[in-house]
């Protein structure tokens, strides 16, 4: 069996059957392990690759805005159609639709820029966060747990995730107002900037919904036991500076509101040296059973 990191590299290496009249087509596939629907971050990462291939290497992607329209079927390939919207002096814009059986499962717009001079400033990284080496691995944290979710997050996921305040897989943990996660790939990746940007988009969807769960005071297993449903609705991301995803990145999440079965999560991504490399905003659907309510902090 291929390593999780090799699986990630293969996922982000799309095939290209050729150009069409109005869209440039690429095809992506899904590994045979995992949940019964396609993980949203996979579709985001593959969309980034499909779109970037239609733009010059001198114009890296700097933002995306996508809507998850339907659950994806992991047994079927995904066709990515890229439409060229604009190529200006400094910026390019693309629209990407991800299809299965001719029906879109994600629609995304993306912008690309030739890097240029300008003002430089950023928010500061949170203080006092333990180094990732000082935080238990998920193998260590979940050693006493016997649940199918454990294998998914400890064996098959291509990213090593470490939670300074404790993870939310088995039990509620930590401070409600902030959700901190260290993240990097399990093995080194090639020196390909597009691969690292796409892999960061891939990983950016892992811990968004659980940010709301922390504020609700529950866990992933607790949500399953309640029969609650959840899904990413939309996803926006901005790349501020180049970063390697095979080196530790700190995701600083905050769920700012929840209402009408939706929650908004904002995230800042820092290198361990404190450089702000990306920002993410996602709205997630979280539906509870009618006879159960969670107090919000």
Protein backbone atom coordinates (compact mmCIF):
# COMPACT_ATOMS: atom_id res chain seq x y z
CA UNK A 1 0.00 0.00 0.00
CA UNK A 2 1.30 3.48 -0.90
CA UNK A 3 2.20 5.81 1.95
CA UNK A 4 -0.32 8.55 2.83
CA UNK A 5 2.09 11.17 1.44
CA UNK A 6 2.42 9.29 -1.86
CA UNK A 7 -1.38 9.06 -2.01
CA UNK A 8 -1.55 12.84 -1.60
CA UNK A 9 0.99 13.41 -4.39
CA UNK A 10 -0.92 11.08 -6.70
CA UNK A 11 -4.21 12.80 -5.90
CA UNK A 12 -2.75 16.16 -6.91
CA UNK A 13 -1.25 14.84 -10.17
CA UNK A 14 -4.22 15.20 -12.52
CA UNK A 15 -4.49 13.65 -15.96
CA UNK A 16 -5.29 15.91 -18.90
CA UNK A 17 -7.28 14.31 -21.73
CA UNK A 18 -7.19 17.49 -23.79
CA UNK A 19 -8.69 20.94 -24.37
CA UNK A 20 -12.39 21.47 -25.06
CA UNK A 21 -14.19 24.31 -26.81
CA UNK A 22 -15.05 26.36 -23.70
CA UNK A 23 -13.24 24.63 -20.80
CA UNK A 24 -9.81 23.06 -20.33
CA UNK A 25 -10.37 19.61 -18.87
CA UNK A 26 -8.40 17.65 -16.26
CA UNK A 27 -9.41 14.46 -14.45
CA UNK A 28 -8.81 13.54 -10.79
CA UNK A 29 -9.32 10.33 -8.86
CA UNK A 30 -9.97 9.36 -5.22
CA UNK A 31 -8.12 6.73 -3.13
CA UNK A 32 -10.03 3.55 -2.36
CA UNK A 33 -9.85 4.16 1.39
CA UNK A 34 -11.87 6.70 3.27
CA UNK A 35 -15.45 7.77 3.97
CA UNK A 36 -18.37 7.13 1.59
CA UNK A 37 -18.15 10.66 0.20
CA UNK A 38 -15.20 12.60 -1.15
CA UNK A 39 -13.36 14.83 1.33
CA UNK A 40 -13.91 18.48 0.34
CA UNK A 41 -10.25 19.45 0.68
CA UNK A 42 -9.36 16.92 -2.02
CA UNK A 43 -11.63 18.67 -4.52
CA UNK A 44 -10.19 22.06 -3.52
CA UNK A 45 -6.60 20.88 -3.94
CA UNK A 46 -7.30 19.25 -7.30
CA UNK A 47 -9.14 22.37 -8.48
CA UNK A 48 -6.09 24.47 -7.60
CA UNK A 49 -3.87 22.22 -9.72
CA UNK A 50 -6.31 22.20 -12.65
CA UNK A 51 -6.63 26.00 -12.62
CA UNK A 52 -2.93 26.77 -12.10
CA UNK A 53 -2.00 24.65 -15.11
CA UNK A 54 -3.86 27.15 -17.33
CA UNK A 55 -1.83 30.09 -15.95
CA UNK A 56 1.90 30.80 -16.27
CA UNK A 57 4.22 29.74 -13.46
CA UNK A 58 4.97 33.44 -12.90
CA UNK A 59 1.39 33.91 -11.59
CA UNK A 60 0.81 31.72 -8.54
CA UNK A 61 -2.68 31.41 -7.11
CA UNK A 62 -3.40 33.91 -4.33
CA UNK A 63 -7.10 33.31 -3.62
CA UNK A 64 -10.01 30.96 -4.19
CA UNK A 65 -13.70 31.07 -3.40
CA UNK A 66 -15.61 27.81 -3.76
CA UNK A 67 -19.05 26.34 -3.10
CA UNK A 68 -19.50 22.67 -2.29
CA UNK A 69 -22.67 21.85 -4.25
CA UNK A 70 -23.09 18.08 -3.86
CA UNK A 71 -21.37 15.18 -2.10
CA UNK A 72 -18.76 13.50 -4.30
CA UNK A 73 -18.74 9.76 -5.02
CA UNK A 74 -15.26 8.29 -4.31
CA UNK A 75 -15.92 5.44 -6.75
CA UNK A 76 -16.10 7.81 -9.74
CA UNK A 77 -13.51 10.10 -11.35
CA UNK A 78 -13.86 13.87 -11.07
CA UNK A 79 -13.68 15.99 -14.22
CA UNK A 80 -12.34 19.52 -13.73
CA UNK A 81 -13.38 22.10 -16.30
CA UNK A 82 -11.39 25.36 -16.22
CA UNK A 83 -12.69 28.48 -17.97
CA UNK A 84 -10.36 31.41 -18.65
CA UNK A 85 -12.08 34.56 -17.41
CA UNK A 86 -9.27 37.12 -17.69
CA UNK A 87 -5.54 37.50 -18.22
CA UNK A 88 -4.41 41.03 -17.37
CA UNK A 89 -1.00 42.60 -16.89
CA UNK A 90 -0.67 41.35 -13.29
CA UNK A 91 -3.74 39.24 -12.52
CA UNK A 92 -5.49 36.27 -14.08
CA UNK A 93 -8.89 34.83 -13.16
CA UNK A 94 -10.28 31.35 -13.68
CA UNK A 95 -13.54 29.52 -13.00
CA UNK A 96 -13.31 25.83 -12.11
CA UNK A 97 -16.22 23.41 -12.04
CA UNK A 98 -15.72 19.89 -10.67
CA UNK A 99 -18.11 17.39 -12.30
CA UNK A 100 -19.24 13.84 -11.71
CA UNK A 101 -21.61 12.31 -14.26
CA UNK A 102 -21.87 15.75 -15.85
CA UNK A 103 -23.19 17.34 -12.65
CA UNK A 104 -21.12 19.92 -10.71
CA UNK A 105 -20.09 18.96 -7.18
CA UNK A 106 -17.99 22.14 -6.65
CA UNK A 107 -17.87 25.53 -8.33
CA UNK A 108 -14.84 27.70 -7.63
CA UNK A 109 -13.33 30.98 -8.79
CA UNK A 110 -9.61 31.63 -8.40
CA UNK A 111 -7.26 34.55 -8.89
CA UNK A 112 -3.56 34.51 -9.79
CA UNK A 113 -0.99 37.31 -9.57
CA UNK A 114 2.49 38.18 -10.72
CA UNK A 115 4.19 38.98 -7.36
CA UNK A 116 4.98 42.67 -6.93
CA UNK A 117 6.19 45.30 -4.48
CA UNK A 118 3.88 46.82 -1.87
CA UNK A 119 3.33 47.42 1.86
CA UNK A 120 4.22 44.57 4.22
CA UNK A 121 2.60 43.84 7.60
CA UNK A 122 0.72 40.99 9.29
CA UNK A 123 -1.11 39.87 12.43
CA UNK A 124 1.00 38.25 15.12
CA UNK A 125 1.02 34.54 15.80
CA UNK A 126 -0.65 33.51 19.10
CA UNK A 127 1.77 33.53 22.01
CA UNK A 128 2.55 30.64 24.32
CA UNK A 129 1.56 27.82 21.95
CA UNK A 130 3.51 24.62 22.73
CA UNK A 131 5.87 23.47 20.00
CA UNK A 132 4.51 20.57 17.92
CA UNK A 133 7.21 18.25 19.30
CA UNK A 134 5.80 18.91 22.78
CA UNK A 135 2.24 18.00 21.79
CA UNK A 136 1.05 14.35 21.80
CA UNK A 137 0.53 12.68 18.44
CA UNK A 138 -2.95 11.43 17.65
CA UNK A 139 -1.64 7.87 18.04
CA UNK A 140 -0.65 8.75 21.60
CA UNK A 141 -3.77 10.76 22.38
CA UNK A 142 -6.18 8.12 21.03
CA UNK A 143 -4.29 5.05 22.28
CA UNK A 144 -7.22 3.91 24.43
CA UNK A 145 -9.89 4.49 21.76
CA UNK A 146 -11.36 1.68 19.65
CA UNK A 147 -13.33 3.36 16.86
CA UNK A 148 -13.19 3.32 13.02
CA UNK A 149 -12.48 7.07 13.04
CA UNK A 150 -9.15 6.39 14.77
CA UNK A 151 -7.61 4.51 11.83
CA UNK A 152 -8.72 7.21 9.41
CA UNK A 153 -6.98 10.02 11.28
CA UNK A 154 -3.91 8.10 12.50
CA UNK A 155 -3.05 5.81 9.57
CA UNK A 156 -4.53 7.03 6.30
CA UNK A 157 -4.63 10.83 6.56
CA UNK A 158 -1.59 12.31 4.77
CA UNK A 159 -1.16 15.04 7.41
CA UNK A 160 0.15 14.77 10.95
CA UNK A 161 -2.20 16.84 13.14
CA UNK A 162 -1.36 17.78 16.72
CA UNK A 163 -3.70 19.62 19.09
CA UNK A 164 -2.13 21.76 21.85
CA UNK A 165 -5.49 21.84 23.66
CA UNK A 166 -6.49 18.25 22.90
CA UNK A 167 -8.30 16.91 19.84
CA UNK A 168 -12.06 16.54 19.50
CA UNK A 169 -12.21 13.05 18.00
CA UNK A 170 -13.23 11.17 21.14
CA UNK A 171 -14.17 13.74 23.76
CA UNK A 172 -14.69 17.49 24.23
CA UNK A 173 -11.50 19.33 25.12
CA UNK A 174 -9.87 22.70 25.51
CA UNK A 175 -10.82 26.35 25.40
CA UNK A 176 -13.99 27.16 23.41
CA UNK A 177 -12.91 30.50 21.96
CA UNK A 178 -9.85 29.31 20.04
CA UNK A 179 -8.98 26.08 18.25
CA UNK A 180 -5.26 25.52 17.61
CA UNK A 181 -3.84 22.78 15.38
CA UNK A 182 -0.28 22.06 14.23
CA UNK A 183 -0.23 20.40 10.81
CA UNK A 184 2.28 19.07 8.28
CA UNK A 185 2.53 16.19 5.82
CA UNK A 186 3.83 12.91 7.21
CA UNK A 187 6.78 12.90 4.80
CA UNK A 188 8.73 15.40 2.73
CA UNK A 189 7.28 16.65 -0.56
CA UNK A 190 9.16 17.64 -3.73
CA UNK A 191 10.25 21.27 -4.16
CA UNK A 192 7.24 22.18 -6.29
CA UNK A 193 5.50 25.41 -5.17
CA UNK A 194 2.23 24.43 -6.88
CA UNK A 195 2.19 21.09 -5.04
CA UNK A 196 2.63 22.88 -1.69
CA UNK A 197 -0.07 25.44 -2.46
CA UNK A 198 -2.49 22.72 -3.55
CA UNK A 199 -1.62 20.55 -0.55
CA UNK A 200 -2.28 23.48 1.77
CA UNK A 201 -5.73 23.87 0.19
CA UNK A 202 -6.21 20.12 0.68
CA UNK A 203 -5.33 20.33 4.38
CA UNK A 204 -7.23 23.55 5.03
CA UNK A 205 -10.59 21.74 5.21
CA UNK A 206 -9.60 19.16 7.85
CA UNK A 207 -10.23 21.18 11.02
CA UNK A 208 -12.75 23.85 10.07
CA UNK A 209 -16.00 22.15 11.16
CA UNK A 210 -14.47 20.84 14.40
CA UNK A 211 -13.73 24.45 15.38
CA UNK A 212 -17.48 24.89 15.78
CA UNK A 213 -17.70 21.57 17.65
CA UNK A 214 -15.16 22.84 20.19
CA UNK A 215 -17.24 25.94 20.80
CA UNK A 216 -20.34 23.75 21.11
CA UNK A 217 -18.61 21.59 23.72
CA UNK A 218 -18.86 18.30 21.82
CA UNK A 219 -16.68 15.87 19.81
CA UNK A 220 -16.76 14.02 16.47
CA UNK A 221 -17.84 10.76 18.10
CA UNK A 222 -20.41 12.68 20.15
CA UNK A 223 -21.87 14.12 16.94
CA UNK A 224 -22.06 10.65 15.39
CA UNK A 225 -23.81 9.25 18.44
CA UNK A 226 -26.41 12.01 18.20
CA UNK A 227 -26.98 11.37 14.51
CA UNK A 228 -26.06 14.99 13.75
CA UNK A 229 -25.16 15.96 10.19
CA UNK A 230 -22.45 18.36 9.07
CA UNK A 231 -20.80 19.45 5.85
CA UNK A 232 -18.65 22.24 4.43
CA UNK A 233 -20.85 24.66 2.47
CA UNK A 234 -18.30 27.08 1.04
CA UNK A 235 -14.59 27.77 1.39
CA UNK A 236 -12.46 30.84 0.77
CA UNK A 237 -8.69 30.90 1.01
CA UNK A 238 -5.91 33.43 0.52
CA UNK A 239 -2.21 32.57 0.12
CA UNK A 240 -0.14 35.46 1.50
CA UNK A 241 3.37 34.02 1.37
CA UNK A 242 5.03 30.85 0.12
CA UNK A 243 5.14 28.01 2.64
CA UNK A 244 6.05 24.33 2.73
CA UNK A 245 3.37 21.99 3.98
CA UNK A 246 5.99 19.39 4.91
CA UNK A 247 7.09 21.77 7.67
CA UNK A 248 4.93 22.56 10.72
CA UNK A 249 2.15 25.10 10.22
CA UNK A 250 -0.10 26.40 12.99
CA UNK A 251 -3.80 26.80 12.21
CA UNK A 252 -5.38 29.37 14.54
CA UNK A 253 -9.16 28.87 14.18
CA UNK A 254 -12.12 30.79 15.58
CA UNK A 255 -15.81 29.99 15.12
CA UNK A 256 -17.39 33.43 15.31
CA UNK A 257 -21.09 32.55 15.02
CA UNK A 258 -23.63 29.77 14.63
CA UNK A 259 -27.30 30.11 13.60
CA UNK A 260 -29.86 28.52 11.28
CA UNK A 261 -27.83 25.30 11.11
CA UNK A 262 -24.71 27.13 9.86
CA UNK A 263 -21.45 28.22 11.50
CA UNK A 264 -18.74 30.60 10.25
CA UNK A 265 -15.10 29.70 10.94
CA UNK A 266 -12.10 31.99 10.37
CA UNK A 267 -8.53 30.70 10.36
CA UNK A 268 -5.00 32.12 10.17
CA UNK A 269 -2.09 29.88 9.18
CA UNK A 270 1.40 30.57 10.53
CA UNK A 271 4.81 29.01 10.13
CA UNK A 272 6.45 28.05 13.42
CA UNK A 273 8.62 31.16 13.01
CA UNK A 274 5.47 33.31 13.12
CA UNK A 275 5.03 34.20 9.44
CA UNK A 276 1.39 34.49 8.37
CA UNK A 277 1.17 32.43 5.17
CA UNK A 278 -2.55 31.95 4.56
CA UNK A 279 -6.07 32.81 5.73
CA UNK A 280 -9.19 30.66 5.42
CA UNK A 281 -12.90 31.35 5.95
CA UNK A 282 -15.52 28.62 5.75
CA UNK A 283 -19.23 28.36 6.42
CA UNK A 284 -20.29 24.90 7.56
CA UNK A 285 -23.68 23.24 7.93
CA UNK A 286 -24.25 21.69 11.36
CA UNK A 287 -27.69 20.18 11.98
CA UNK A 288 -28.70 18.72 15.31
CA UNK A 289 -31.64 16.51 16.18
CA UNK A 290 -34.76 18.49 17.08
CA UNK A 291 -34.76 17.30 20.69
CA UNK A 292 -31.16 18.34 21.48
CA UNK A 293 -29.55 21.74 21.88
CA UNK A 294 -25.98 22.69 22.69
CA UNK A 295 -25.22 25.74 24.81
CA UNK A 296 -22.92 28.14 23.00
CA UNK A 297 -19.97 29.70 24.80
